[in-house]
PDB file of N, CA and C in Angstrom:
ATOM      1  N   MET A   1      46.385  28.839   5.648  1.00  0.00           N
ATOM      2  CA  MET A   1      45.360  28.355   6.086  1.00  0.00           C
ATOM      3  C   MET A   1      44.471  28.296   5.168  1.00  0.00           C
ATOM      4  N   GLY A   2      43.546  27.130   5.428  1.00  0.00           N
ATOM      5  CA  GLY A   2      42.462  27.227   4.063  1.00  0.00           C
ATOM      6  C   GLY A   2      42.948  26.680   2.840  1.00  0.00           C
ATOM      7  N   LYS A   3      44.077  26.293   2.764  1.00  0.00           N
ATOM      8  CA  LYS A   3      44.371  25.798   1.235  1.00  0.00           C
ATOM      9  C   LYS A   3      43.680  24.646   0.494  1.00  0.00           C
ATOM     10  N   ILE A   4      43.476  23.702   1.300  1.00  0.00           N
ATOM     11  CA  ILE A   4      42.488  22.723   0.895  1.00  0.00           C
ATOM     12  C   ILE A   4      41.260  23.083   0.298  1.00  0.00           C
ATOM     13  N   TYR A   5      40.566  23.931   1.232  1.00  0.00           N
ATOM     14  CA  TYR A   5      39.448  24.586   0.888  1.00  0.00           C
ATOM     15  C   TYR A   5      39.410  25.591  -0.533  1.00  0.00           C
ATOM     16  N   ARG A   6      40.351  26.237  -0.265  1.00  0.00           N
ATOM     17  CA  ARG A   6      40.597  27.135  -1.631  1.00  0.00           C
ATOM     18  C   ARG A   6      40.813  26.527  -2.807  1.00  0.00           C
ATOM     19  N   GLU A   7      41.729  25.701  -2.810  1.00  0.00           N
ATOM     20  CA  GLU A   7      42.137  24.937  -4.152  1.00  0.00           C
ATOM     21  C   GLU A   7      40.918  23.907  -4.316  1.00  0.00           C
ATOM     22  N   TYR A   8      40.096  23.598  -3.486  1.00  0.00           N
ATOM     23  CA  TYR A   8      39.148  22.645  -3.799  1.00  0.00           C
ATOM     24  C   TYR A   8      37.987  23.486  -4.574  1.00  0.00           C
ATOM     25  N   ALA A   9      37.798  24.818  -3.997  1.00  0.00           N
ATOM     26  CA  ALA A   9      36.467  25.458  -4.174  1.00  0.00           C
ATOM     27  C   ALA A   9      36.862  26.101  -5.545  1.00  0.00           C
ATOM     28  N   ALA A  10      38.154  26.857  -5.828  1.00  0.00           N
ATOM     29  CA  ALA A  10      38.510  27.121  -7.200  1.00  0.00           C
ATOM     30  C   ALA A  10      38.464  26.072  -8.156  1.00  0.00           C
ATOM     31  N   TYR A  11      38.860  24.563  -8.382  1.00  0.00           N
ATOM     32  CA  TYR A  11      38.655  23.643  -9.139  1.00  0.00           C
ATOM     33  C   TYR A  11      37.260  23.526  -9.295  1.00  0.00           C
ATOM     34  N   ARG A  12      36.394  23.329  -8.243  1.00  0.00           N
ATOM     35  CA  ARG A  12      34.991  23.233  -8.420  1.00  0.00           C
ATOM     36  C   ARG A  12      34.257  24.186  -9.766  1.00  0.00           C
ATOM     37  N   ASP A  13      34.368  25.251  -8.941  1.00  0.00           N
ATOM     38  CA  ASP A  13      33.740  26.515  -9.759  1.00  0.00           C
ATOM     39  C   ASP A  13      34.415  26.374 -11.122  1.00  0.00           C
ATOM     40  N   ARG A  14      35.781  26.648 -11.620  1.00  0.00           N
ATOM     41  CA  ARG A  14      36.161  26.397 -12.680  1.00  0.00           C
ATOM     42  C   ARG A  14      35.476  25.290 -13.671  1.00  0.00           C
ATOM     43  N   MET A  15      35.563  24.132 -13.108  1.00  0.00           N
ATOM     44  CA  MET A  15      35.194  22.895 -13.938  1.00  0.00           C
ATOM     45  C   MET A  15      33.693  23.108 -13.931  1.00  0.00           C
ATOM     46  N   ASN A  16      32.870  23.348 -12.941  1.00  0.00           N
ATOM     47  CA  ASN A  16      31.560  23.370 -13.195  1.00  0.00           C
ATOM     48  C   ASN A  16      30.940  24.550 -14.398  1.00  0.00           C
ATOM     49  N   ARG A  17      31.722  25.659 -14.501  1.00  0.00           N
ATOM     50  CA  ARG A  17      31.692  26.637 -15.310  1.00  0.00           C
ATOM     51  C   ARG A  17      31.810  25.941 -16.876  1.00  0.00           C
ATOM     52  N   LYS A  18      32.883  25.356 -17.018  1.00  0.00           N
ATOM     53  CA  LYS A  18      33.313  24.524 -18.301  1.00  0.00           C
ATOM     54  C   LYS A  18      32.182  23.396 -18.592  1.00  0.00           C
ATOM     55  N   ILE A  19      31.605  22.737 -17.471  1.00  0.00           N
ATOM     56  CA  ILE A  19      30.692  21.738 -17.854  1.00  0.00           C
ATOM     57  C   ILE A  19      29.434  22.261 -17.945  1.00  0.00           C
ATOM     58  N   LEU A  20      28.897  23.566 -17.621  1.00  0.00           N
ATOM     59  CA  LEU A  20      27.310  24.061 -18.086  1.00  0.00           C
ATOM     60  C   LEU A  20      27.860  24.888 -19.355  1.00  0.00           C
ATOM     61  N   GLU A  21      29.005  25.118 -19.667  1.00  0.00           N
ATOM     62  CA  GLU A  21      29.245  25.728 -21.188  1.00  0.00           C
ATOM     63  C   GLU A  21      28.705  24.542 -22.210  1.00  0.00           C
ATOM     64  N   THR A  22      28.824  23.497 -21.850  1.00  0.00           N
ATOM     65  CA  THR A  22      28.715  22.281 -22.615  1.00  0.00           C
ATOM     66  C   THR A  22      27.074  22.784 -23.494  1.00  0.00           C
ATOM     67  N   GLU A  23      26.313  23.308 -22.861  1.00  0.00           N
ATOM     68  CA  GLU A  23      24.989  23.595 -23.367  1.00  0.00           C
ATOM     69  C   GLU A  23      24.115  22.506 -23.303  1.00  0.00           C
ATOM     70  N   SER A  24      24.488  21.372 -22.604  1.00  0.00           N
ATOM     71  CA  SER A  24      23.741  19.967 -22.664  1.00  0.00           C
ATOM     72  C   SER A  24      22.564  20.316 -21.865  1.00  0.00           C
ATOM     73  N   ASN A  25      21.257  20.314 -22.394  1.00  0.00           N
ATOM     74  CA  ASN A  25      20.255  20.377 -21.529  1.00  0.00           C
ATOM     75  C   ASN A  25      20.222  19.304 -20.330  1.00  0.00           C
ATOM     76  N   VAL A  26      20.613  18.238 -20.391  1.00  0.00           N
ATOM     77  CA  VAL A  26      20.337  17.028 -19.620  1.00  0.00           C
ATOM     78  C   VAL A  26      21.365  17.479 -18.428  1.00  0.00           C
ATOM     79  N   ILE A  27      22.666  18.019 -18.628  1.00  0.00           N
ATOM     80  CA  ILE A  27      23.613  18.404 -17.751  1.00  0.00           C
ATOM     81  C   ILE A  27      23.099  19.574 -16.786  1.00  0.00           C
ATOM     82  N   LYS A  28      22.405  20.609 -17.506  1.00  0.00           N
ATOM     83  CA  LYS A  28      21.722  21.873 -16.942  1.00  0.00           C
ATOM     84  C   LYS A  28      20.610  21.097 -15.986  1.00  0.00           C
ATOM     85  N   ARG A  29      19.677  20.396 -16.619  1.00  0.00           N
ATOM     86  CA  ARG A  29      18.607  19.837 -15.651  1.00  0.00           C
ATOM     87  C   ARG A  29      19.087  19.259 -14.830  1.00  0.00           C
ATOM     88  N   PHE A  30      19.921  18.618 -14.585  1.00  0.00           N
ATOM     89  CA  PHE A  30      20.461  17.463 -13.524  1.00  0.00           C
ATOM     90  C   PHE A  30      20.897  18.388 -12.375  1.00  0.00           C
ATOM     91  N   PHE A  31      21.926  19.886 -12.941  1.00  0.00           N
ATOM     92  CA  PHE A  31      22.463  20.504 -12.042  1.00  0.00           C
ATOM     93  C   PHE A  31      21.567  21.309 -11.155  1.00  0.00           C
ATOM     94  N   ALA A  32      20.109  21.561 -11.882  1.00  0.00           N
ATOM     95  CA  ALA A  32      18.906  22.520 -11.431  1.00  0.00           C
ATOM     96  C   ALA A  32      18.240  21.727 -10.437  1.00  0.00           C
ATOM     97  N   LEU A  33      18.296  20.165 -10.699  1.00  0.00           N
ATOM     98  CA  LEU A  33      17.369  19.125 -10.101  1.00  0.00           C
ATOM     99  C   LEU A  33      18.240  19.175  -8.549  1.00  0.00           C
ATOM    100  N   ASP A  34      19.738  19.031  -8.555  1.00  0.00           N
ATOM    101  CA  ASP A  34      20.447  18.935  -7.279  1.00  0.00           C
ATOM    102  C   ASP A  34      20.364  20.150  -6.530  1.00  0.00           C
ATOM    103  N   THR A  35      20.018  21.372  -7.208  1.00  0.00           N
ATOM    104  CA  THR A  35      19.908  22.958  -6.402  1.00  0.00           C
ATOM    105  C   THR A  35      18.554  22.766  -5.737  1.00  0.00           C
ATOM    106  N   LEU A  36      17.422  22.236  -6.506  1.00  0.00           N
ATOM    107  CA  LEU A  36      16.228  22.219  -5.974  1.00  0.00           C
ATOM    108  C   LEU A  36      16.040  21.019  -4.630  1.00  0.00           C
ATOM    109  N   THR A  37      16.708  20.090  -4.726  1.00  0.00           N
ATOM    110  CA  THR A  37      16.767  19.128  -3.858  1.00  0.00           C
ATOM    111  C   THR A  37      16.787  19.689  -2.561  1.00  0.00           C
ATOM    112  N   TYR A  38      18.099  20.566  -2.493  1.00  0.00           N
ATOM    113  CA  TYR A  38      18.455  21.120  -1.266  1.00  0.00           C
ATOM    114  C   TYR A  38      17.733  22.527  -0.504  1.00  0.00           C
ATOM    115  N   GLN A  39      16.780  22.780  -1.118  1.00  0.00           N
ATOM    116  CA  GLN A  39      15.873  24.156  -1.115  1.00  0.00           C
ATOM    117  C   GLN A  39      15.075  23.711   0.164  1.00  0.00           C
ATOM    118  N   GLU A  40      14.763  24.794   1.255  1.00  0.00           N
ATOM    119  CA  GLU A  40      14.089  24.401   2.231  1.00  0.00           C
ATOM    120  C   GLU A  40      12.480  23.831   1.819  1.00  0.00           C
ATOM    121  N   GLY A  41      12.097  22.797   2.778  1.00  0.00           N
ATOM    122  CA  GLY A  41      10.938  21.971   2.234  1.00  0.00           C
ATOM    123  C   GLY A  41      10.255  21.571   3.570  1.00  0.00           C
ATOM    124  N   ALA A  42       9.548  20.250   3.470  1.00  0.00           N
ATOM    125  CA  ALA A  42       9.314  19.689   4.908  1.00  0.00           C
ATOM    126  C   ALA A  42      10.533  19.252   5.804  1.00  0.00           C
ATOM    127  N   LEU A  43      11.629  19.562   5.284  1.00  0.00           N
ATOM    128  CA  LEU A  43      13.002  19.080   5.802  1.00  0.00           C
ATOM    129  C   LEU A  43      13.627  20.513   5.555  1.00  0.00           C
ATOM    130  N   PRO A  44      14.265  21.222   6.925  1.00  0.00           N
ATOM    131  CA  PRO A  44      15.131  22.347   6.530  1.00  0.00           C
ATOM    132  C   PRO A  44      16.459  21.941   5.621  1.00  0.00           C
ATOM    133  N   THR A  45      16.929  23.056   4.823  1.00  0.00           N
ATOM    134  CA  THR A  45      17.919  22.661   4.126  1.00  0.00           C
ATOM    135  C   THR A  45      19.355  22.335   4.892  1.00  0.00           C
ATOM    136  N   ARG A  46      19.393  22.890   6.073  1.00  0.00           N
ATOM    137  CA  ARG A  46      20.233  22.324   6.850  1.00  0.00           C
ATOM    138  C   ARG A  46      20.222  20.812   7.187  1.00  0.00           C
ATOM    139  N   THR A  47      19.081  20.328   7.412  1.00  0.00           N
ATOM    140  CA  THR A  47      18.922  18.827   7.674  1.00  0.00           C
ATOM    141  C   THR A  47      19.254  18.048   6.335  1.00  0.00           C
ATOM    142  N   LYS A  48      19.171  18.744   5.215  1.00  0.00           N
ATOM    143  CA  LYS A  48      19.123  17.927   3.944  1.00  0.00           C
ATOM    144  C   LYS A  48      20.683  17.837   3.700  1.00  0.00           C
ATOM    145  N   GLU A  49      21.466  19.114   3.989  1.00  0.00           N
ATOM    146  CA  GLU A  49      22.646  18.930   3.761  1.00  0.00           C
ATOM    147  C   GLU A  49      23.467  17.909   4.462  1.00  0.00           C
ATOM    148  N   MET A  50      23.364  17.904   5.892  1.00  0.00           N
ATOM    149  CA  MET A  50      23.488  16.822   6.640  1.00  0.00           C
ATOM    150  C   MET A  50      23.291  15.437   5.990  1.00  0.00           C
ATOM    151  N   LEU A  51      22.336  14.998   5.600  1.00  0.00           N
ATOM    152  CA  LEU A  51      21.515  13.790   4.965  1.00  0.00           C
ATOM    153  C   LEU A  51      22.930  13.753   3.626  1.00  0.00           C
ATOM    154  N   GLY A  52      22.827  14.548   2.872  1.00  0.00           N
ATOM    155  CA  GLY A  52      23.673  14.591   1.583  1.00  0.00           C
ATOM    156  C   GLY A  52      25.292  14.357   2.100  1.00  0.00           C
ATOM    157  N   LEU A  53      25.654  14.732   3.333  1.00  0.00           N
ATOM    158  CA  LEU A  53      26.980  14.434   3.793  1.00  0.00           C
ATOM    159  C   LEU A  53      27.024  12.785   4.104  1.00  0.00           C
ATOM    160  N   ALA A  54      26.064  12.568   4.999  1.00  0.00           N
ATOM    161  CA  ALA A  54      26.084  11.006   5.216  1.00  0.00           C
ATOM    162  C   ALA A  54      26.229  10.254   3.955  1.00  0.00           C
ATOM    163  N   CYS A  55      25.225  10.501   2.990  1.00  0.00           N
ATOM    164  CA  CYS A  55      25.087   9.890   2.164  1.00  0.00           C
ATOM    165  C   CYS A  55      26.378   9.905   1.266  1.00  0.00           C
ATOM    166  N   SER A  56      26.970  10.940   0.957  1.00  0.00           N
ATOM    167  CA  SER A  56      28.220  11.156  -0.047  1.00  0.00           C
ATOM    168  C   SER A  56      29.219  10.365   0.969  1.00  0.00           C
ATOM    169  N   MET A  57      29.474  10.250   2.193  1.00  0.00           N
ATOM    170  CA  MET A  57      30.328   9.277   2.876  1.00  0.00           C
ATOM    171  C   MET A  57      30.201   7.989   2.613  1.00  0.00           C
ATOM    172  N   VAL A  58      29.005   7.499   2.540  1.00  0.00           N
ATOM    173  CA  VAL A  58      28.616   6.180   2.373  1.00  0.00           C
ATOM    174  C   VAL A  58      29.002   5.836   0.795  1.00  0.00           C
ATOM    175  N   MET A  59      28.996   6.679  -0.192  1.00  0.00           N
ATOM    176  CA  MET A  59      28.907   6.521  -1.535  1.00  0.00           C
ATOM    177  C   MET A  59      30.694   6.547  -1.734  1.00  0.00           C
ATOM    178  N   ARG A  60      31.144   7.278  -1.108  1.00  0.00           N
ATOM    179  CA  ARG A  60      32.758   7.680  -0.740  1.00  0.00           C
ATOM    180  C   ARG A  60      33.504   8.549  -1.946  1.00  0.00           C
ATOM    181  N   CYS A  61      32.535   9.462  -2.131  1.00  0.00           N
ATOM    182  CA  CYS A  61      32.946  10.712  -2.781  1.00  0.00           C
ATOM    183  C   CYS A  61      33.396  12.109  -2.190  1.00  0.00           C
ATOM    184  N   ASP A  62      34.602  11.836  -2.129  1.00  0.00           N
ATOM    185  CA  ASP A  62      35.463  12.922  -1.698  1.00  0.00           C
ATOM    186  C   ASP A  62      34.883  14.390  -1.934  1.00  0.00           C
ATOM    187  N   ASP A  63      34.648  14.401  -3.278  1.00  0.00           N
ATOM    188  CA  ASP A  63      34.273  15.932  -3.619  1.00  0.00           C
ATOM    189  C   ASP A  63      32.872  16.509  -3.011  1.00  0.00           C
ATOM    190  N   CYS A  64      31.938  15.094  -3.005  1.00  0.00           N
ATOM    191  CA  CYS A  64      30.667  15.628  -2.441  1.00  0.00           C
ATOM    192  C   CYS A  64      30.534  15.729  -1.043  1.00  0.00           C
ATOM    193  N   ILE A  65      31.503  15.016  -0.443  1.00  0.00           N
ATOM    194  CA  ILE A  65      31.986  15.252   1.012  1.00  0.00           C
ATOM    195  C   ILE A  65      32.281  16.513   1.262  1.00  0.00           C
ATOM    196  N   ARG A  66      33.265  17.260   0.296  1.00  0.00           N
ATOM    197  CA  ARG A  66      33.699  18.358   0.784  1.00  0.00           C
ATOM    198  C   ARG A  66      32.847  19.396   0.432  1.00  0.00           C
ATOM    199  N   TYR A  67      32.125  19.420  -0.489  1.00  0.00           N
ATOM    200  CA  TYR A  67      30.830  20.302  -0.920  1.00  0.00           C
ATOM    201  C   TYR A  67      30.014  20.164   0.366  1.00  0.00           C
ATOM    202  N   HIS A  68      29.419  19.246   0.892  1.00  0.00           N
ATOM    203  CA  HIS A  68      28.441  19.091   1.784  1.00  0.00           C
ATOM    204  C   HIS A  68      29.028  19.855   3.233  1.00  0.00           C
ATOM    205  N   ILE A  69      30.285  19.508   3.378  1.00  0.00           N
ATOM    206  CA  ILE A  69      30.776  19.970   4.481  1.00  0.00           C
ATOM    207  C   ILE A  69      30.776  21.372   4.641  1.00  0.00           C
ATOM    208  N   THR A  70      31.377  22.041   3.474  1.00  0.00           N
ATOM    209  CA  THR A  70      31.128  23.498   3.152  1.00  0.00           C
ATOM    210  C   THR A  70      29.653  24.177   3.485  1.00  0.00           C
ATOM    211  N   LYS A  71      29.075  23.287   2.794  1.00  0.00           N
ATOM    212  CA  LYS A  71      27.438  23.958   2.845  1.00  0.00           C
ATOM    213  C   LYS A  71      26.999  23.788   4.440  1.00  0.00           C
ATOM    214  N   CYS A  72      27.311  22.736   4.736  1.00  0.00           N
ATOM    215  CA  CYS A  72      27.052  22.472   6.333  1.00  0.00           C
ATOM    216  C   CYS A  72      27.543  23.625   7.319  1.00  0.00           C
ATOM    217  N   LYS A  73      28.742  24.220   6.991  1.00  0.00           N
ATOM    218  CA  LYS A  73      29.323  25.024   7.720  1.00  0.00           C
ATOM    219  C   LYS A  73      28.891  26.418   7.594  1.00  0.00           C
ATOM    220  N   GLU A  74      28.448  26.690   6.330  1.00  0.00           N
ATOM    221  CA  GLU A  74      27.841  28.044   5.874  1.00  0.00           C
ATOM    222  C   GLU A  74      26.496  27.980   6.470  1.00  0.00           C
ATOM    223  N   LEU A  75      25.842  26.807   7.101  1.00  0.00           N
ATOM    224  CA  LEU A  75      24.312  26.804   7.590  1.00  0.00           C
ATOM    225  C   LEU A  75      24.635  26.706   9.197  1.00  0.00           C
ATOM    226  N   GLY A  76      25.795  26.802   9.463  1.00  0.00           N
ATOM    227  CA  GLY A  76      25.917  26.910  10.904  1.00  0.00           C
ATOM    228  C   GLY A  76      25.960  25.394  11.597  1.00  0.00           C
ATOM    229  N   VAL A  77      26.285  24.239  10.956  1.00  0.00           N
ATOM    230  CA  VAL A  77      26.391  23.167  11.506  1.00  0.00           C
ATOM    231  C   VAL A  77      27.500  23.084  12.408  1.00  0.00           C
ATOM    232  N   SER A  78      27.593  22.763  13.580  1.00  0.00           N
ATOM    233  CA  SER A  78      28.580  22.863  14.422  1.00  0.00           C
ATOM    234  C   SER A  78      29.506  21.370  14.226  1.00  0.00           C
ATOM    235  N   LYS A  79      30.993  21.594  14.638  1.00  0.00           N
ATOM    236  CA  LYS A  79      31.886  20.412  14.248  1.00  0.00           C
ATOM    237  C   LYS A  79      31.150  19.089  15.214  1.00  0.00           C
ATOM    238  N   ASN A  80      30.814  19.405  16.336  1.00  0.00           N
ATOM    239  CA  ASN A  80      30.230  18.076  16.857  1.00  0.00           C
ATOM    240  C   ASN A  80      29.113  17.493  16.162  1.00  0.00           C
ATOM    241  N   GLU A  81      28.144  18.342  15.545  1.00  0.00           N
ATOM    242  CA  GLU A  81      27.249  17.841  15.007  1.00  0.00           C
ATOM    243  C   GLU A  81      27.462  17.373  13.649  1.00  0.00           C
ATOM    244  N   LEU A  82      28.600  17.508  12.834  1.00  0.00           N
ATOM    245  CA  LEU A  82      29.340  17.063  11.833  1.00  0.00           C
ATOM    246  C   LEU A  82      29.871  15.835  11.884  1.00  0.00           C
ATOM    247  N   VAL A  83      30.815  15.619  13.138  1.00  0.00           N
ATOM    248  CA  VAL A  83      31.190  14.277  13.497  1.00  0.00           C
ATOM    249  C   VAL A  83      29.962  13.319  14.175  1.00  0.00           C
ATOM    250  N   GLU A  84      28.982  13.854  14.415  1.00  0.00           N
ATOM    251  CA  GLU A  84      27.618  12.700  14.335  1.00  0.00           C
ATOM    252  C   GLU A  84      27.168  12.194  13.175  1.00  0.00           C
ATOM    253  N   VAL A  85      27.314  13.312  12.174  1.00  0.00           N
ATOM    254  CA  VAL A  85      26.991  12.801  11.016  1.00  0.00           C
ATOM    255  C   VAL A  85      28.107  11.716  10.366  1.00  0.00           C
ATOM    256  N   PHE A  86      29.342  11.978  10.677  1.00  0.00           N
ATOM    257  CA  PHE A  86      30.283  10.910  10.263  1.00  0.00           C
ATOM    258  C   PHE A  86      30.101   9.710  11.063  1.00  0.00           C
ATOM    259  N   GLY A  87      29.577   9.507  12.383  1.00  0.00           N
ATOM    260  CA  GLY A  87      29.023   8.496  12.789  1.00  0.00           C
ATOM    261  C   GLY A  87      28.281   7.669  12.352  1.00  0.00           C
ATOM    262  N   VAL A  88      27.214   8.512  11.608  1.00  0.00           N
ATOM    263  CA  VAL A  88      26.037   7.861  11.082  1.00  0.00           C
ATOM    264  C   VAL A  88      26.533   6.918   9.976  1.00  0.00           C
ATOM    265  N   ALA A  89      27.349   7.990   9.014  1.00  0.00           N
ATOM    266  CA  ALA A  89      27.935   7.265   7.797  1.00  0.00           C
ATOM    267  C   ALA A  89      28.672   6.174   8.275  1.00  0.00           C
ATOM    268  N   LEU A  90      29.428   5.990   8.959  1.00  0.00           N
ATOM    269  CA  LEU A  90      30.551   4.998   9.469  1.00  0.00           C
ATOM    270  C   LEU A  90      29.594   3.794   9.674  1.00  0.00           C
ATOM    271  N   ILE A  91      28.630   3.796  10.373  1.00  0.00           N
ATOM    272  CA  ILE A  91      27.541   2.716  10.965  1.00  0.00           C
ATOM    273  C   ILE A  91      27.052   2.207   9.872  1.00  0.00           C
ATOM    274  N   VAL A  92      26.564   3.090   8.866  1.00  0.00           N
ATOM    275  CA  VAL A  92      25.783   2.747   7.429  1.00  0.00           C
ATOM    276  C   VAL A  92      26.885   2.168   6.695  1.00  0.00           C
ATOM    277  N   GLY A  93      27.941   2.899   6.432  1.00  0.00           N
ATOM    278  CA  GLY A  93      28.830   2.304   5.309  1.00  0.00           C
ATOM    279  C   GLY A  93      29.900   1.406   5.465  1.00  0.00           C
ATOM    280  N   GLY A  94      30.233   1.397   6.825  1.00  0.00           N
ATOM    281  CA  GLY A  94      31.284   0.603   7.245  1.00  0.00           C
ATOM    282  C   GLY A  94      32.602   0.881   7.332  1.00  0.00           C
ATOM    283  N   SER A  95      33.522   0.117   7.654  1.00  0.00           N
ATOM    284  CA  SER A  95      34.885   0.697   7.776  1.00  0.00           C
ATOM    285  C   SER A  95      35.355   1.180   6.532  1.00  0.00           C
ATOM    286  N   ILE A  96      34.697   1.114   5.301  1.00  0.00           N
ATOM    287  CA  ILE A  96      35.442   1.331   4.202  1.00  0.00           C
ATOM    288  C   ILE A  96      35.232   3.053   4.268  1.00  0.00           C
ATOM    289  N   VAL A  97      34.438   3.497   4.883  1.00  0.00           N
ATOM    290  CA  VAL A  97      34.108   4.844   5.173  1.00  0.00           C
ATOM    291  C   VAL A  97      35.176   5.507   5.763  1.00  0.00           C
ATOM    292  N   ILE A  98      36.280   4.870   6.610  1.00  0.00           N
ATOM    293  CA  ILE A  98      37.165   5.615   7.436  1.00  0.00           C
ATOM    294  C   ILE A  98      38.459   6.183   6.886  1.00  0.00           C
ATOM    295  N   PRO A  99      38.776   5.863   5.656  1.00  0.00           N
ATOM    296  CA  PRO A  99      39.505   6.920   4.949  1.00  0.00           C
ATOM    297  C   PRO A  99      38.934   8.190   4.552  1.00  0.00           C
ATOM    298  N   HIS A 100      37.731   8.010   4.257  1.00  0.00           N
ATOM    299  CA  HIS A 100      36.952   9.192   3.839  1.00  0.00           C
ATOM    300  C   HIS A 100      36.663  10.166   4.772  1.00  0.00           C
ATOM    301  N   MET A 101      36.437   9.260   6.116  1.00  0.00           N
ATOM    302  CA  MET A 101      36.314  10.355   7.307  1.00  0.00           C
ATOM    303  C   MET A 101      37.554  10.821   7.481  1.00  0.00           C
ATOM    304  N   ARG A 102      38.577  10.428   7.265  1.00  0.00           N
ATOM    305  CA  ARG A 102      40.054  11.081   7.723  1.00  0.00           C
ATOM    306  C   ARG A 102      40.057  12.310   6.908  1.00  0.00           C
ATOM    307  N   ARG A 103      39.843  12.049   5.648  1.00  0.00           N
ATOM    308  CA  ARG A 103      39.957  13.325   4.680  1.00  0.00           C
ATOM    309  C   ARG A 103      38.915  14.266   4.936  1.00  0.00           C
ATOM    310  N   ALA A 104      37.734  13.992   5.457  1.00  0.00           N
ATOM    311  CA  ALA A 104      36.659  14.940   5.948  1.00  0.00           C
ATOM    312  C   ALA A 104      37.329  15.697   7.038  1.00  0.00           C
ATOM    313  N   ILE A 105      37.613  15.101   8.006  1.00  0.00           N
ATOM    314  CA  ILE A 105      38.116  15.766   9.238  1.00  0.00           C
ATOM    315  C   ILE A 105      39.181  16.933   8.712  1.00  0.00           C
ATOM    316  N   GLU A 106      39.904  16.288   7.971  1.00  0.00           N
ATOM    317  CA  GLU A 106      41.201  17.239   7.478  1.00  0.00           C
ATOM    318  C   GLU A 106      40.740  18.371   6.625  1.00  0.00           C
ATOM    319  N   PHE A 107      39.580  18.102   5.882  1.00  0.00           N
ATOM    320  CA  PHE A 107      39.222  19.388   5.100  1.00  0.00           C
ATOM    321  C   PHE A 107      38.308  20.056   5.874  1.00  0.00           C
ATOM    322  N   LEU A 108      37.451  19.824   7.060  1.00  0.00           N
ATOM    323  CA  LEU A 108      36.732  20.416   8.236  1.00  0.00           C
ATOM    324  C   LEU A 108      37.776  21.649   8.813  1.00  0.00           C
ATOM    325  N   GLU A 109      38.773  20.955   9.474  1.00  0.00           N
ATOM    326  CA  GLU A 109      39.995  21.799   9.941  1.00  0.00           C
ATOM    327  C   GLU A 109      40.445  22.946   9.171  1.00  0.00           C
ATOM    328  N   ASP A 110      40.646  22.365   7.954  1.00  0.00           N
ATOM    329  CA  ASP A 110      41.029  23.499   7.089  1.00  0.00           C
ATOM    330  C   ASP A 110      39.887  24.738   6.815  1.00  0.00           C
ATOM    331  N   LEU A 111      38.892  23.982   6.480  1.00  0.00           N
ATOM    332  CA  LEU A 111      37.649  25.142   6.380  1.00  0.00           C
ATOM    333  C   LEU A 111      37.482  25.713   7.432  1.00  0.00           C
ATOM    334  N   GLU A 112      37.415  25.098   8.682  1.00  0.00           N
ATOM    335  CA  GLU A 112      37.539  26.087   9.795  1.00  0.00           C
ATOM    336  C   GLU A 112      38.375  27.087  10.021  1.00  0.00           C
ATOM    337  N   ASP A 113      39.491  26.876   9.616  1.00  0.00           N
ATOM    338  CA  ASP A 113      40.848  27.887   9.558  1.00  0.00           C
ATOM    339  C   ASP A 113      40.162  29.097   8.443  1.00  0.00           C
ATOM    340  N   GLU A 114      40.058  28.577   7.017  1.00  0.00           N
ATOM    341  CA  GLU A 114      39.422  29.496   6.357  1.00  0.00           C
ATOM    342  C   GLU A 114      38.219  30.377   6.913  1.00  0.00           C
ATOM    343  N   PHE A 115      37.196  29.741   7.363  1.00  0.00           N
ATOM    344  CA  PHE A 115      36.147  30.699   7.973  1.00  0.00           C
ATOM    345  C   PHE A 115      36.451  31.693   9.122  1.00  0.00           C
ATOM    346  N   GLN A 116      37.407  31.171  10.031  1.00  0.00           N
ATOM    347  CA  GLN A 116      37.981  32.021  11.054  1.00  0.00           C
ATOM    348  C   GLN A 116      39.007  33.422  10.319  1.00  0.00           C
ATOM    349  N   SER A 117      39.625  32.702   9.294  1.00  0.00           N
ATOM    350  CA  SER A 117      40.374  33.894   8.758  1.00  0.00           C
ATOM    351  C   SER A 117      39.695  34.974   8.029  1.00  0.00           C
ATOM    352  N   SER A 118      38.485  34.497   7.498  1.00  0.00           N
ATOM    353  CA  SER A 118      37.808  35.476   6.621  1.00  0.00           C
ATOM    354  C   SER A 118      37.114  36.301   7.638  1.00  0.00           C
ATOM    355  N   ARG A 119      36.931  35.957   8.684  1.00  0.00           N
ATOM    356  CA  ARG A 119      36.219  36.735   9.784  1.00  0.00           C
ATOM    357  C   ARG A 119      36.889  37.805  10.533  1.00  0.00           C
ATOM    358  N   ASN A 120      38.028  37.572  10.473  1.00  0.00           N
ATOM    359  CA  ASN A 120      39.104  38.604  11.059  1.00  0.00           C
ATOM    360  C   ASN A 120      39.752  39.628   9.988  1.00  0.00           C
TER     361      ASN A 120
END
C-alpha cells in the first residue's frame, strides 16, 4: 500500500537534493519563491494548495498534481473537496485533463492507503 506515493516521494526528494546541490542561485531563488507562494496570507495555505492542484491539472503536470494532492491531504482537504477541484480543472482545461484526473484518483487512493497505514 502507498507504493506509488512512496516511490514518488523518494524520487522527488532525491532529485530535489541533486538540483539544489548545483548551487545555482536562480534555481535556489525559484524554489524559495515557490515555497513562499504557498504560505499563509490573504488566502490560507489550504486554498492555495487547491488552486495549485487545479492549475497543475490544467497544465497537465503529473508530478505537480501529486505534490499538491499530497499537500492538500496533509492540510486536511477531503476526498470530496479534491474531486470538486478536479471538476474545476476539467471545466477549465477540457477533456485533455481526463487522463491526468485518472492518475490523480489513482495517486489519491494510494496516498490515502499510505496515510491510513501510518496512523495504525
